[in-house]
Amino acid sequence: MHSTFGQAAWRKSSHCATGDACIHLAPAPQGAVRLTESSDPSGTVLTLAPATWRAWRRAIGDGRLPRPDAEPGPGGRLLLRSPDDQGLVVTTTTAQWEAFAAGVRDGEFDRPAG
């Protein structure tokens, strides 16, 4: 499933509910990926270096949050950070994270489309 924010070809999990309120992923230069949450009012976009993205996929595949990059926040939200983007935070819901994680486990983001 594709959406366009700016120039990037963003993808969301097929497990995401109807609409664009989901975690979206797009390719970035040098094998990195960009991640955003379309309903996050800050509009923050994280860049995950290839090694970080591999670590996230491994953790998600094992049924874990990619710690310390993802942690519970106030009001049942999840706060996502990238060690590659100091200080930036993407805020999402548990349901949106679970839809994204299901897509990761299904291999939907193994090779983000360019």
PDB file of N, CA and C in Angstrom:
ATOM      1  N   MET A   1       0.852  -1.166   0.000  1.00  0.00           N
ATOM      2  CA  MET A   1       0.000   0.000   0.000  1.00  0.00           C
ATOM      3  C   MET A   1       0.899   1.232   0.000  1.00  0.00           C
ATOM      4  N   HIS A   2       0.665   2.127  -0.910  1.00  0.00           N
ATOM      5  CA  HIS A   2       1.543   3.285  -1.076  1.00  0.00           C
ATOM      6  C   HIS A   2       0.787   4.589  -0.819  1.00  0.00           C
ATOM      7  N   SER A   3       1.490   5.567  -0.260  1.00  0.00           N
ATOM      8  CA  SER A   3       1.008   6.936  -0.119  1.00  0.00           C
ATOM      9  C   SER A   3       2.160   7.843  -0.509  1.00  0.00           C
ATOM     10  N   THR A   4       1.859   9.085  -0.776  1.00  0.00           N
ATOM     11  CA  THR A   4       2.919  10.018  -1.134  1.00  0.00           C
ATOM     12  C   THR A   4       2.915  11.194  -0.170  1.00  0.00           C
ATOM     13  N   PHE A   5       4.015  11.370   0.561  1.00  0.00           N
ATOM     14  CA  PHE A   5       4.252  12.543   1.397  1.00  0.00           C
ATOM     15  C   PHE A   5       5.495  13.183   0.805  1.00  0.00           C
ATOM     16  N   GLY A   6       5.360  14.297   0.163  1.00  0.00           N
ATOM     17  CA  GLY A   6       6.505  14.900  -0.505  1.00  0.00           C
ATOM     18  C   GLY A   6       6.896  14.042  -1.691  1.00  0.00           C
ATOM     19  N   GLN A   7       8.189  13.809  -1.884  1.00  0.00           N
ATOM     20  CA  GLN A   7       8.693  13.064  -3.031  1.00  0.00           C
ATOM     21  C   GLN A   7       8.812  11.561  -2.785  1.00  0.00           C
ATOM     22  N   ALA A   8       8.823  11.124  -1.521  1.00  0.00           N
ATOM     23  CA  ALA A   8       9.088   9.717  -1.215  1.00  0.00           C
ATOM     24  C   ALA A   8       7.877   8.838  -1.507  1.00  0.00           C
ATOM     25  N   ALA A   9       8.139   7.582  -1.853  1.00  0.00           N
ATOM     26  CA  ALA A   9       7.083   6.579  -2.042  1.00  0.00           C
ATOM     27  C   ALA A   9       6.919   5.842  -0.715  1.00  0.00           C
ATOM     28  N   TRP A  10       5.978   6.274   0.085  1.00  0.00           N
ATOM     29  CA  TRP A  10       5.750   5.710   1.407  1.00  0.00           C
ATOM     30  C   TRP A  10       4.879   4.469   1.300  1.00  0.00           C
ATOM     31  N   ARG A  11       5.156   3.480   2.151  1.00  0.00           N
ATOM     32  CA  ARG A  11       4.372   2.244   2.193  1.00  0.00           C
ATOM     33  C   ARG A  11       3.860   2.039   3.604  1.00  0.00           C
ATOM     34  N   LYS A  12       2.681   1.434   3.701  1.00  0.00           N
ATOM     35  CA  LYS A  12       2.152   1.046   5.003  1.00  0.00           C
ATOM     36  C   LYS A  12       1.800  -0.433   4.949  1.00  0.00           C
ATOM     37  N   SER A  13       1.646  -1.028   6.101  1.00  0.00           N
ATOM     38  CA  SER A  13       1.326  -2.446   6.194  1.00  0.00           C
ATOM     39  C   SER A  13      -0.071  -2.730   5.659  1.00  0.00           C
ATOM     40  N   SER A  14      -0.236  -3.885   5.061  1.00  0.00           N
ATOM     41  CA  SER A  14      -1.573  -4.309   4.629  1.00  0.00           C
ATOM     42  C   SER A  14      -2.464  -4.580   5.835  1.00  0.00           C
ATOM     43  N   HIS A  15      -1.878  -4.677   7.022  1.00  0.00           N
ATOM     44  CA  HIS A  15      -2.642  -4.907   8.249  1.00  0.00           C
ATOM     45  C   HIS A  15      -3.186  -3.606   8.829  1.00  0.00           C
ATOM     46  N   CYS A  16      -2.804  -2.481   8.270  1.00  0.00           N
ATOM     47  CA  CYS A  16      -3.256  -1.180   8.752  1.00  0.00           C
ATOM     48  C   CYS A  16      -4.726  -0.996   8.392  1.00  0.00           C
ATOM     49  N   ALA A  17      -5.485  -0.449   9.310  1.00  0.00           N
ATOM     50  CA  ALA A  17      -6.904  -0.197   9.059  1.00  0.00           C
ATOM     51  C   ALA A  17      -7.067   0.783   7.904  1.00  0.00           C
ATOM     52  N   THR A  18      -8.258   0.865   7.377  1.00  0.00           N
ATOM     53  CA  THR A  18      -8.553   1.774   6.272  1.00  0.00           C
ATOM     54  C   THR A  18      -8.161   3.197   6.645  1.00  0.00           C
ATOM     55  N   GLY A  19      -7.601   3.916   5.700  1.00  0.00           N
ATOM     56  CA  GLY A  19      -7.159   5.285   5.931  1.00  0.00           C
ATOM     57  C   GLY A  19      -5.653   5.344   6.032  1.00  0.00           C
ATOM     58  N   ASP A  20      -5.148   6.531   6.262  1.00  0.00           N
ATOM     59  CA  ASP A  20      -3.702   6.723   6.300  1.00  0.00           C
ATOM     60  C   ASP A  20      -3.138   6.861   7.703  1.00  0.00           C
ATOM     61  N   ALA A  21      -3.937   6.677   8.760  1.00  0.00           N
ATOM     62  CA  ALA A  21      -3.433   6.798  10.128  1.00  0.00           C
ATOM     63  C   ALA A  21      -2.645   5.543  10.473  1.00  0.00           C
ATOM     64  N   CYS A  22      -1.419   5.474   9.952  1.00  0.00           N
ATOM     65  CA  CYS A  22      -0.578   4.287  10.086  1.00  0.00           C
ATOM     66  C   CYS A  22       0.883   4.710  10.126  1.00  0.00           C
ATOM     67  N   ILE A  23       1.718   3.752  10.495  1.00  0.00           N
ATOM     68  CA  ILE A  23       3.157   3.950  10.364  1.00  0.00           C
ATOM     69  C   ILE A  23       3.503   3.695   8.902  1.00  0.00           C
ATOM     70  N   HIS A  24       4.252   4.610   8.317  1.00  0.00           N
ATOM     71  CA  HIS A  24       4.652   4.514   6.908  1.00  0.00           C
ATOM     72  C   HIS A  24       6.172   4.421   6.829  1.00  0.00           C
ATOM     73  N   LEU A  25       6.646   3.699   5.824  1.00  0.00           N
ATOM     74  CA  LEU A  25       8.072   3.490   5.617  1.00  0.00           C
ATOM     75  C   LEU A  25       8.420   3.844   4.179  1.00  0.00           C
ATOM     76  N   ALA A  26       9.588   4.441   3.974  1.00  0.00           N
ATOM     77  CA  ALA A  26      10.055   4.781   2.621  1.00  0.00           C
ATOM     78  C   ALA A  26      11.560   4.550   2.549  1.00  0.00           C
ATOM     79  N   PRO A  27      12.056   4.232   1.364  1.00  0.00           N
ATOM     80  CA  PRO A  27      13.502   4.069   1.212  1.00  0.00           C
ATOM     81  C   PRO A  27      14.210   5.412   1.347  1.00  0.00           C
ATOM     82  N   ALA A  28      15.441   5.345   1.819  1.00  0.00           N
ATOM     83  CA  ALA A  28      16.292   6.528   1.936  1.00  0.00           C
ATOM     84  C   ALA A  28      17.639   6.174   1.305  1.00  0.00           C
ATOM     85  N   PRO A  29      18.476   7.159   1.037  1.00  0.00           N
ATOM     86  CA  PRO A  29      19.776   6.885   0.420  1.00  0.00           C
ATOM     87  C   PRO A  29      20.626   5.903   1.231  1.00  0.00           C
ATOM     88  N   GLN A  30      21.480   5.184   0.534  1.00  0.00           N
ATOM     89  CA  GLN A  30      22.480   4.285   1.110  1.00  0.00           C
ATOM     90  C   GLN A  30      21.868   3.153   1.932  1.00  0.00           C
ATOM     91  N   GLY A  31      20.677   2.686   1.545  1.00  0.00           N
ATOM     92  CA  GLY A  31      20.058   1.541   2.196  1.00  0.00           C
ATOM     93  C   GLY A  31      19.321   1.837   3.482  1.00  0.00           C
ATOM     94  N   ALA A  32      19.263   3.093   3.871  1.00  0.00           N
ATOM     95  CA  ALA A  32      18.515   3.472   5.070  1.00  0.00           C
ATOM     96  C   ALA A  32      17.019   3.481   4.743  1.00  0.00           C
ATOM     97  N   VAL A  33      16.189   3.595   5.772  1.00  0.00           N
ATOM     98  CA  VAL A  33      14.748   3.750   5.572  1.00  0.00           C
ATOM     99  C   VAL A  33      14.261   4.936   6.388  1.00  0.00           C
ATOM    100  N   ARG A  34      13.173   5.522   5.921  1.00  0.00           N
ATOM    101  CA  ARG A  34      12.517   6.606   6.652  1.00  0.00           C
ATOM    102  C   ARG A  34      11.217   6.063   7.219  1.00  0.00           C
ATOM    103  N   LEU A  35      10.869   6.520   8.409  1.00  0.00           N
ATOM    104  CA  LEU A  35       9.671   6.058   9.087  1.00  0.00           C
ATOM    105  C   LEU A  35       8.920   7.259   9.626  1.00  0.00           C
ATOM    106  N   THR A  36       7.609   7.281   9.435  1.00  0.00           N
ATOM    107  CA  THR A  36       6.775   8.339   9.987  1.00  0.00           C
ATOM    108  C   THR A  36       5.436   7.752  10.385  1.00  0.00           C
ATOM    109  N   GLU A  37       4.693   8.489  11.149  1.00  0.00           N
ATOM    110  CA  GLU A  37       3.343   8.117  11.565  1.00  0.00           C
ATOM    111  C   GLU A  37       2.432   9.203  11.037  1.00  0.00           C
ATOM    112  N   SER A  38       1.546   8.849  10.133  1.00  0.00           N
ATOM    113  CA  SER A  38       0.748   9.861   9.443  1.00  0.00           C
ATOM    114  C   SER A  38      -0.184  10.629  10.368  1.00  0.00           C
ATOM    115  N   SER A  39      -0.529  10.070  11.533  1.00  0.00           N
ATOM    116  CA  SER A  39      -1.410  10.805  12.444  1.00  0.00           C
ATOM    117  C   SER A  39      -0.638  11.534  13.544  1.00  0.00           C
ATOM    118  N   ASP A  40       0.693  11.488  13.509  1.00  0.00           N
ATOM    119  CA  ASP A  40       1.511  12.207  14.486  1.00  0.00           C
ATOM    120  C   ASP A  40       1.502  13.680  14.113  1.00  0.00           C
ATOM    121  N   PRO A  41       0.929  14.540  14.971  1.00  0.00           N
ATOM    122  CA  PRO A  41       0.821  15.957  14.603  1.00  0.00           C
ATOM    123  C   PRO A  41       2.160  16.650  14.384  1.00  0.00           C
ATOM    124  N   SER A  42       3.252  16.087  14.919  1.00  0.00           N
ATOM    125  CA  SER A  42       4.558  16.726  14.738  1.00  0.00           C
ATOM    126  C   SER A  42       5.080  16.552  13.316  1.00  0.00           C
ATOM    127  N   GLY A  43       4.598  15.518  12.603  1.00  0.00           N
ATOM    128  CA  GLY A  43       5.081  15.261  11.246  1.00  0.00           C
ATOM    129  C   GLY A  43       6.519  14.778  11.191  1.00  0.00           C
ATOM    130  N   THR A  44       7.043  14.309  12.309  1.00  0.00           N
ATOM    131  CA  THR A  44       8.433  13.862  12.385  1.00  0.00           C
ATOM    132  C   THR A  44       8.684  12.668  11.472  1.00  0.00           C
ATOM    133  N   VAL A  45       9.835  12.672  10.828  1.00  0.00           N
ATOM    134  CA  VAL A  45      10.285  11.549  10.009  1.00  0.00           C
ATOM    135  C   VAL A  45      11.625  11.089  10.572  1.00  0.00           C
ATOM    136  N   LEU A  46      11.695   9.811  10.953  1.00  0.00           N
ATOM    137  CA  LEU A  46      12.949   9.229  11.423  1.00  0.00           C
ATOM    138  C   LEU A  46      13.687   8.600  10.255  1.00  0.00           C
ATOM    139  N   THR A  47      15.002   8.634  10.298  1.00  0.00           N
ATOM    140  CA  THR A  47      15.824   7.891   9.353  1.00  0.00           C
ATOM    141  C   THR A  47      16.535   6.801  10.133  1.00  0.00           C
ATOM    142  N   LEU A  48      16.350   5.556   9.683  1.00  0.00           N
ATOM    143  CA  LEU A  48      16.989   4.410  10.318  1.00  0.00           C
ATOM    144  C   LEU A  48      18.099   3.911   9.403  1.00  0.00           C
ATOM    145  N   ALA A  49      19.328   3.913   9.911  1.00  0.00           N
ATOM    146  CA  ALA A  49      20.453   3.365   9.152  1.00  0.00           C
ATOM    147  C   ALA A  49      20.197   1.880   8.908  1.00  0.00           C
ATOM    148  N   PRO A  50      20.838   1.297   7.897  1.00  0.00           N
ATOM    149  CA  PRO A  50      20.590  -0.120   7.599  1.00  0.00           C
ATOM    150  C   PRO A  50      20.747  -1.045   8.813  1.00  0.00           C
ATOM    151  N   ALA A  51      21.787  -0.848   9.616  1.00  0.00           N
ATOM    152  CA  ALA A  51      21.986  -1.710  10.789  1.00  0.00           C
ATOM    153  C   ALA A  51      20.866  -1.525  11.810  1.00  0.00           C
ATOM    154  N   THR A  52      20.403  -0.301  11.980  1.00  0.00           N
ATOM    155  CA  THR A  52      19.298  -0.037  12.902  1.00  0.00           C
ATOM    156  C   THR A  52      18.023  -0.694  12.402  1.00  0.00           C
ATOM    157  N   TRP A  53      17.726  -0.565  11.111  1.00  0.00           N
ATOM    158  CA  TRP A  53      16.528  -1.178  10.543  1.00  0.00           C
ATOM    159  C   TRP A  53      16.587  -2.705  10.686  1.00  0.00           C
ATOM    160  N   ARG A  54      17.750  -3.298  10.467  1.00  0.00           N
ATOM    161  CA  ARG A  54      17.884  -4.757  10.662  1.00  0.00           C
ATOM    162  C   ARG A  54      17.600  -5.133  12.114  1.00  0.00           C
ATOM    163  N   ALA A  55      18.111  -4.343  13.063  1.00  0.00           N
ATOM    164  CA  ALA A  55      17.873  -4.615  14.485  1.00  0.00           C
ATOM    165  C   ALA A  55      16.389  -4.482  14.824  1.00  0.00           C
ATOM    166  N   TRP A  56      15.719  -3.471  14.257  1.00  0.00           N
ATOM    167  CA  TRP A  56      14.275  -3.311  14.471  1.00  0.00           C
ATOM    168  C   TRP A  56      13.538  -4.533  13.933  1.00  0.00           C
ATOM    169  N   ARG A  57      13.867  -4.954  12.714  1.00  0.00           N
ATOM    170  CA  ARG A  57      13.175  -6.109  12.111  1.00  0.00           C
ATOM    171  C   ARG A  57      13.402  -7.373  12.933  1.00  0.00           C
ATOM    172  N   ARG A  58      14.611  -7.551  13.447  1.00  0.00           N
ATOM    173  CA  ARG A  58      14.903  -8.712  14.288  1.00  0.00           C
ATOM    174  C   ARG A  58      14.051  -8.691  15.560  1.00  0.00           C
ATOM    175  N   ALA A  59      14.018  -7.543  16.239  1.00  0.00           N
ATOM    176  CA  ALA A  59      13.233  -7.417  17.471  1.00  0.00           C
ATOM    177  C   ALA A  59      11.749  -7.660  17.195  1.00  0.00           C
ATOM    178  N   ILE A  60      11.235  -7.034  16.150  1.00  0.00           N
ATOM    179  CA  ILE A  60       9.819  -7.201  15.807  1.00  0.00           C
ATOM    180  C   ILE A  60       9.530  -8.662  15.473  1.00  0.00           C
ATOM    181  N   GLY A  61      10.414  -9.303  14.734  1.00  0.00           N
ATOM    182  CA  GLY A  61      10.245 -10.714  14.399  1.00  0.00           C
ATOM    183  C   GLY A  61      10.205 -11.604  15.627  1.00  0.00           C
ATOM    184  N   ASP A  62      10.910 -11.184  16.685  1.00  0.00           N
ATOM    185  CA  ASP A  62      10.923 -11.921  17.948  1.00  0.00           C
ATOM    186  C   ASP A  62       9.768 -11.518  18.860  1.00  0.00           C
ATOM    187  N   GLY A  63       8.887 -10.616  18.370  1.00  0.00           N
ATOM    188  CA  GLY A  63       7.744 -10.182  19.171  1.00  0.00           C
ATOM    189  C   GLY A  63       8.080  -9.149  20.227  1.00  0.00           C
ATOM    190  N   ARG A  64       9.199  -8.444  20.042  1.00  0.00           N
ATOM    191  CA  ARG A  64       9.629  -7.439  21.013  1.00  0.00           C
ATOM    192  C   ARG A  64       9.604  -6.045  20.400  1.00  0.00           C
ATOM    193  N   LEU A  65       9.547  -5.034  21.269  1.00  0.00           N
ATOM    194  CA  LEU A  65       9.778  -3.662  20.828  1.00  0.00           C
ATOM    195  C   LEU A  65      11.275  -3.502  20.596  1.00  0.00           C
ATOM    196  N   PRO A  66      11.674  -2.727  19.605  1.00  0.00           N
ATOM    197  CA  PRO A  66      13.107  -2.494  19.383  1.00  0.00           C
ATOM    198  C   PRO A  66      13.665  -1.521  20.424  1.00  0.00           C
ATOM    199  N   ARG A  67      14.010  -2.047  21.602  1.00  0.00           N
ATOM    200  CA  ARG A  67      14.509  -1.220  22.697  1.00  0.00           C
ATOM    201  C   ARG A  67      15.960  -0.849  22.452  1.00  0.00           C
ATOM    202  N   PRO A  68      16.419   0.295  22.879  1.00  0.00           N
ATOM    203  CA  PRO A  68      15.690   1.331  23.588  1.00  0.00           C
ATOM    204  C   PRO A  68      14.977   2.309  22.661  1.00  0.00           C
ATOM    205  N   ASP A  69      14.883   1.980  21.379  1.00  0.00           N
ATOM    206  CA  ASP A  69      14.345   2.925  20.396  1.00  0.00           C
ATOM    207  C   ASP A  69      12.832   3.087  20.464  1.00  0.00           C
ATOM    208  N   ALA A  70      12.120   2.120  21.026  1.00  0.00           N
ATOM    209  CA  ALA A  70      10.662   2.204  21.158  1.00  0.00           C
ATOM    210  C   ALA A  70      10.308   1.978  22.618  1.00  0.00           C
ATOM    211  N   GLU A  71       9.487   2.873  23.154  1.00  0.00           N
ATOM    212  CA  GLU A  71       9.111   2.736  24.556  1.00  0.00           C
ATOM    213  C   GLU A  71       7.702   3.269  24.766  1.00  0.00           C
ATOM    214  N   PRO A  72       7.015   2.726  25.782  1.00  0.00           N
ATOM    215  CA  PRO A  72       5.671   3.217  26.082  1.00  0.00           C
ATOM    216  C   PRO A  72       5.713   4.696  26.464  1.00  0.00           C
ATOM    217  N   GLY A  73       4.689   5.414  26.029  1.00  0.00           N
ATOM    218  CA  GLY A  73       4.562   6.824  26.361  1.00  0.00           C
ATOM    219  C   GLY A  73       3.245   7.073  27.066  1.00  0.00           C
ATOM    220  N   PRO A  74       2.919   8.321  27.309  1.00  0.00           N
ATOM    221  CA  PRO A  74       1.675   8.643  28.009  1.00  0.00           C
ATOM    222  C   PRO A  74       0.440   8.293  27.178  1.00  0.00           C
ATOM    223  N   GLY A  75      -0.636   7.964  27.859  1.00  0.00           N
ATOM    224  CA  GLY A  75      -1.911   7.734  27.182  1.00  0.00           C
ATOM    225  C   GLY A  75      -1.929   6.523  26.275  1.00  0.00           C
ATOM    226  N   GLY A  76      -1.132   5.500  26.586  1.00  0.00           N
ATOM    227  CA  GLY A  76      -1.130   4.294  25.763  1.00  0.00           C
ATOM    228  C   GLY A  76      -0.413   4.449  24.435  1.00  0.00           C
ATOM    229  N   ARG A  77       0.345   5.493  24.281  1.00  0.00           N
ATOM    230  CA  ARG A  77       1.083   5.728  23.034  1.00  0.00           C
ATOM    231  C   ARG A  77       2.445   5.046  23.085  1.00  0.00           C
ATOM    232  N   LEU A  78       3.055   4.908  21.925  1.00  0.00           N
ATOM    233  CA  LEU A  78       4.433   4.435  21.827  1.00  0.00           C
ATOM    234  C   LEU A  78       5.278   5.561  21.260  1.00  0.00           C
ATOM    235  N   LEU A  79       6.463   5.716  21.794  1.00  0.00           N
ATOM    236  CA  LEU A  79       7.405   6.727  21.327  1.00  0.00           C
ATOM    237  C   LEU A  79       8.520   6.010  20.589  1.00  0.00           C
ATOM    238  N   LEU A  80       8.711   6.362  19.332  1.00  0.00           N
ATOM    239  CA  LEU A  80       9.726   5.734  18.490  1.00  0.00           C
ATOM    240  C   LEU A  80      10.855   6.720  18.253  1.00  0.00           C
ATOM    241  N   ARG A  81      12.071   6.244  18.463  1.00  0.00           N
ATOM    242  CA  ARG A  81      13.262   7.068  18.246  1.00  0.00           C
ATOM    243  C   ARG A  81      14.245   6.294  17.390  1.00  0.00           C
ATOM    244  N   SER A  82      15.142   7.009  16.764  1.00  0.00           N
ATOM    245  CA  SER A  82      16.224   6.375  16.030  1.00  0.00           C
ATOM    246  C   SER A  82      17.538   6.853  16.618  1.00  0.00           C
ATOM    247  N   PRO A  83      18.464   5.935  16.912  1.00  0.00           N
ATOM    248  CA  PRO A  83      19.772   6.388  17.383  1.00  0.00           C
ATOM    249  C   PRO A  83      20.502   7.188  16.313  1.00  0.00           C
ATOM    250  N   ASP A  84      20.002   7.113  15.079  1.00  0.00           N
ATOM    251  CA  ASP A  84      20.617   7.814  13.960  1.00  0.00           C
ATOM    252  C   ASP A  84      20.077   9.242  13.798  1.00  0.00           C
ATOM    253  N   ASP A  85      18.972   9.564  14.503  1.00  0.00           N
ATOM    254  CA  ASP A  85      18.350  10.897  14.470  1.00  0.00           C
ATOM    255  C   ASP A  85      18.179  11.373  15.904  1.00  0.00           C
ATOM    256  N   GLN A  86      19.224  11.867  16.497  1.00  0.00           N
ATOM    257  CA  GLN A  86      19.194  12.256  17.902  1.00  0.00           C
ATOM    258  C   GLN A  86      18.082  13.259  18.189  1.00  0.00           C
ATOM    259  N   GLY A  87      17.254  12.937  19.178  1.00  0.00           N
ATOM    260  CA  GLY A  87      16.238  13.867  19.646  1.00  0.00           C
ATOM    261  C   GLY A  87      14.902  13.798  18.941  1.00  0.00           C
ATOM    262  N   LEU A  88      14.816  13.189  17.772  1.00  0.00           N
ATOM    263  CA  LEU A  88      13.546  13.118  17.059  1.00  0.00           C
ATOM    264  C   LEU A  88      12.694  11.976  17.610  1.00  0.00           C
ATOM    265  N   VAL A  89      11.372  12.213  17.703  1.00  0.00           N
ATOM    266  CA  VAL A  89      10.450  11.211  18.226  1.00  0.00           C
ATOM    267  C   VAL A  89       9.223  11.148  17.329  1.00  0.00           C
ATOM    268  N   VAL A  90       8.832   9.935  16.950  1.00  0.00           N
ATOM    269  CA  VAL A  90       7.564   9.690  16.259  1.00  0.00           C
ATOM    270  C   VAL A  90       6.640   9.050  17.285  1.00  0.00           C
ATOM    271  N   THR A  91       5.427   9.590  17.412  1.00  0.00           N
ATOM    272  CA  THR A  91       4.442   9.070  18.355  1.00  0.00           C
ATOM    273  C   THR A  91       3.394   8.277  17.597  1.00  0.00           C
ATOM    274  N   THR A  92       3.068   7.085  18.108  1.00  0.00           N
ATOM    275  CA  THR A  92       2.068   6.231  17.473  1.00  0.00           C
ATOM    276  C   THR A  92       1.215   5.566  18.543  1.00  0.00           C
ATOM    277  N   THR A  93       0.201   4.833  18.119  1.00  0.00           N
ATOM    278  CA  THR A  93      -0.629   4.076  19.053  1.00  0.00           C
ATOM    279  C   THR A  93      -0.188   2.619  19.052  1.00  0.00           C
ATOM    280  N   THR A  94      -0.592   1.905  20.070  1.00  0.00           N
ATOM    281  CA  THR A  94      -0.283   0.478  20.136  1.00  0.00           C
ATOM    282  C   THR A  94      -0.895  -0.256  18.950  1.00  0.00           C
ATOM    283  N   ALA A  95      -2.133   0.075  18.596  1.00  0.00           N
ATOM    284  CA  ALA A  95      -2.802  -0.596  17.468  1.00  0.00           C
ATOM    285  C   ALA A  95      -2.062  -0.341  16.158  1.00  0.00           C
ATOM    286  N   GLN A  96      -1.616   0.886  15.933  1.00  0.00           N
ATOM    287  CA  GLN A  96      -0.893   1.196  14.698  1.00  0.00           C
ATOM    288  C   GLN A  96       0.470   0.509  14.686  1.00  0.00           C
ATOM    289  N   TRP A  97       1.125   0.422  15.851  1.00  0.00           N
ATOM    290  CA  TRP A  97       2.390  -0.305  15.938  1.00  0.00           C
ATOM    291  C   TRP A  97       2.169  -1.778  15.609  1.00  0.00           C
ATOM    292  N   GLU A  98       1.127  -2.377  16.182  1.00  0.00           N
ATOM    293  CA  GLU A  98       0.863  -3.803  15.946  1.00  0.00           C
ATOM    294  C   GLU A  98       0.597  -4.082  14.467  1.00  0.00           C
ATOM    295  N   ALA A  99      -0.113  -3.179  13.789  1.00  0.00           N
ATOM    296  CA  ALA A  99      -0.357  -3.352  12.348  1.00  0.00           C
ATOM    297  C   ALA A  99       0.963  -3.281  11.580  1.00  0.00           C
ATOM    298  N   PHE A 100       1.810  -2.318  11.931  1.00  0.00           N
ATOM    299  CA  PHE A 100       3.122  -2.185  11.300  1.00  0.00           C
ATOM    300  C   PHE A 100       3.968  -3.428  11.573  1.00  0.00           C
ATOM    301  N   ALA A 101       4.001  -3.865  12.838  1.00  0.00           N
ATOM    302  CA  ALA A 101       4.800  -5.032  13.217  1.00  0.00           C
ATOM    303  C   ALA A 101       4.327  -6.285  12.482  1.00  0.00           C
ATOM    304  N   ALA A 102       3.017  -6.438  12.297  1.00  0.00           N
ATOM    305  CA  ALA A 102       2.495  -7.590  11.550  1.00  0.00           C
ATOM    306  C   ALA A 102       3.002  -7.555  10.110  1.00  0.00           C
ATOM    307  N   GLY A 103       3.046  -6.367   9.514  1.00  0.00           N
ATOM    308  CA  GLY A 103       3.584  -6.226   8.161  1.00  0.00           C
ATOM    309  C   GLY A 103       5.064  -6.559   8.100  1.00  0.00           C
ATOM    310  N   VAL A 104       5.814  -6.134   9.120  1.00  0.00           N
ATOM    311  CA  VAL A 104       7.245  -6.461   9.179  1.00  0.00           C
ATOM    312  C   VAL A 104       7.416  -7.974   9.270  1.00  0.00           C
ATOM    313  N   ARG A 105       6.651  -8.614  10.158  1.00  0.00           N
ATOM    314  CA  ARG A 105       6.762 -10.073  10.315  1.00  0.00           C
ATOM    315  C   ARG A 105       6.365 -10.812   9.042  1.00  0.00           C
ATOM    316  N   ASP A 106       5.442 -10.244   8.270  1.00  0.00           N
ATOM    317  CA  ASP A 106       5.014 -10.857   7.003  1.00  0.00           C
ATOM    318  C   ASP A 106       5.977 -10.571   5.850  1.00  0.00           C
ATOM    319  N   GLY A 107       7.031  -9.785   6.104  1.00  0.00           N
ATOM    320  CA  GLY A 107       8.015  -9.490   5.061  1.00  0.00           C
ATOM    321  C   GLY A 107       7.628  -8.355   4.132  1.00  0.00           C
ATOM    322  N   GLU A 108       6.596  -7.585   4.492  1.00  0.00           N
ATOM    323  CA  GLU A 108       6.132  -6.507   3.619  1.00  0.00           C
ATOM    324  C   GLU A 108       7.149  -5.386   3.453  1.00  0.00           C
ATOM    325  N   PHE A 109       8.091  -5.262   4.381  1.00  0.00           N
ATOM    326  CA  PHE A 109       9.064  -4.170   4.329  1.00  0.00           C
ATOM    327  C   PHE A 109      10.491  -4.685   4.175  1.00  0.00           C
ATOM    328  N   ASP A 110      10.643  -5.927   3.724  1.00  0.00           N
ATOM    329  CA  ASP A 110      11.991  -6.472   3.569  1.00  0.00           C
ATOM    330  C   ASP A 110      12.818  -5.653   2.587  1.00  0.00           C
ATOM    331  N   ARG A 111      12.173  -5.184   1.535  1.00  0.00           N
ATOM    332  CA  ARG A 111      12.851  -4.324   0.549  1.00  0.00           C
ATOM    333  C   ARG A 111      11.926  -3.165   0.239  1.00  0.00           C
ATOM    334  N   PRO A 112      12.060  -2.038   0.982  1.00  0.00           N
ATOM    335  CA  PRO A 112      11.191  -0.894   0.703  1.00  0.00           C
ATOM    336  C   PRO A 112      11.301  -0.461  -0.756  1.00  0.00           C
ATOM    337  N   ALA A 113      10.160  -0.255  -1.384  1.00  0.00           N
ATOM    338  CA  ALA A 113      10.130   0.146  -2.803  1.00  0.00           C
ATOM    339  C   ALA A 113      10.651   1.559  -2.957  1.00  0.00           C
ATOM    340  N   GLY A 114      11.341   1.807  -4.034  1.00  0.00           N
ATOM    341  CA  GLY A 114      11.857   3.146  -4.318  1.00  0.00           C
ATOM    342  C   GLY A 114      11.048   3.844  -5.343  1.00  0.00           C
TER     343      GLY A 114
END
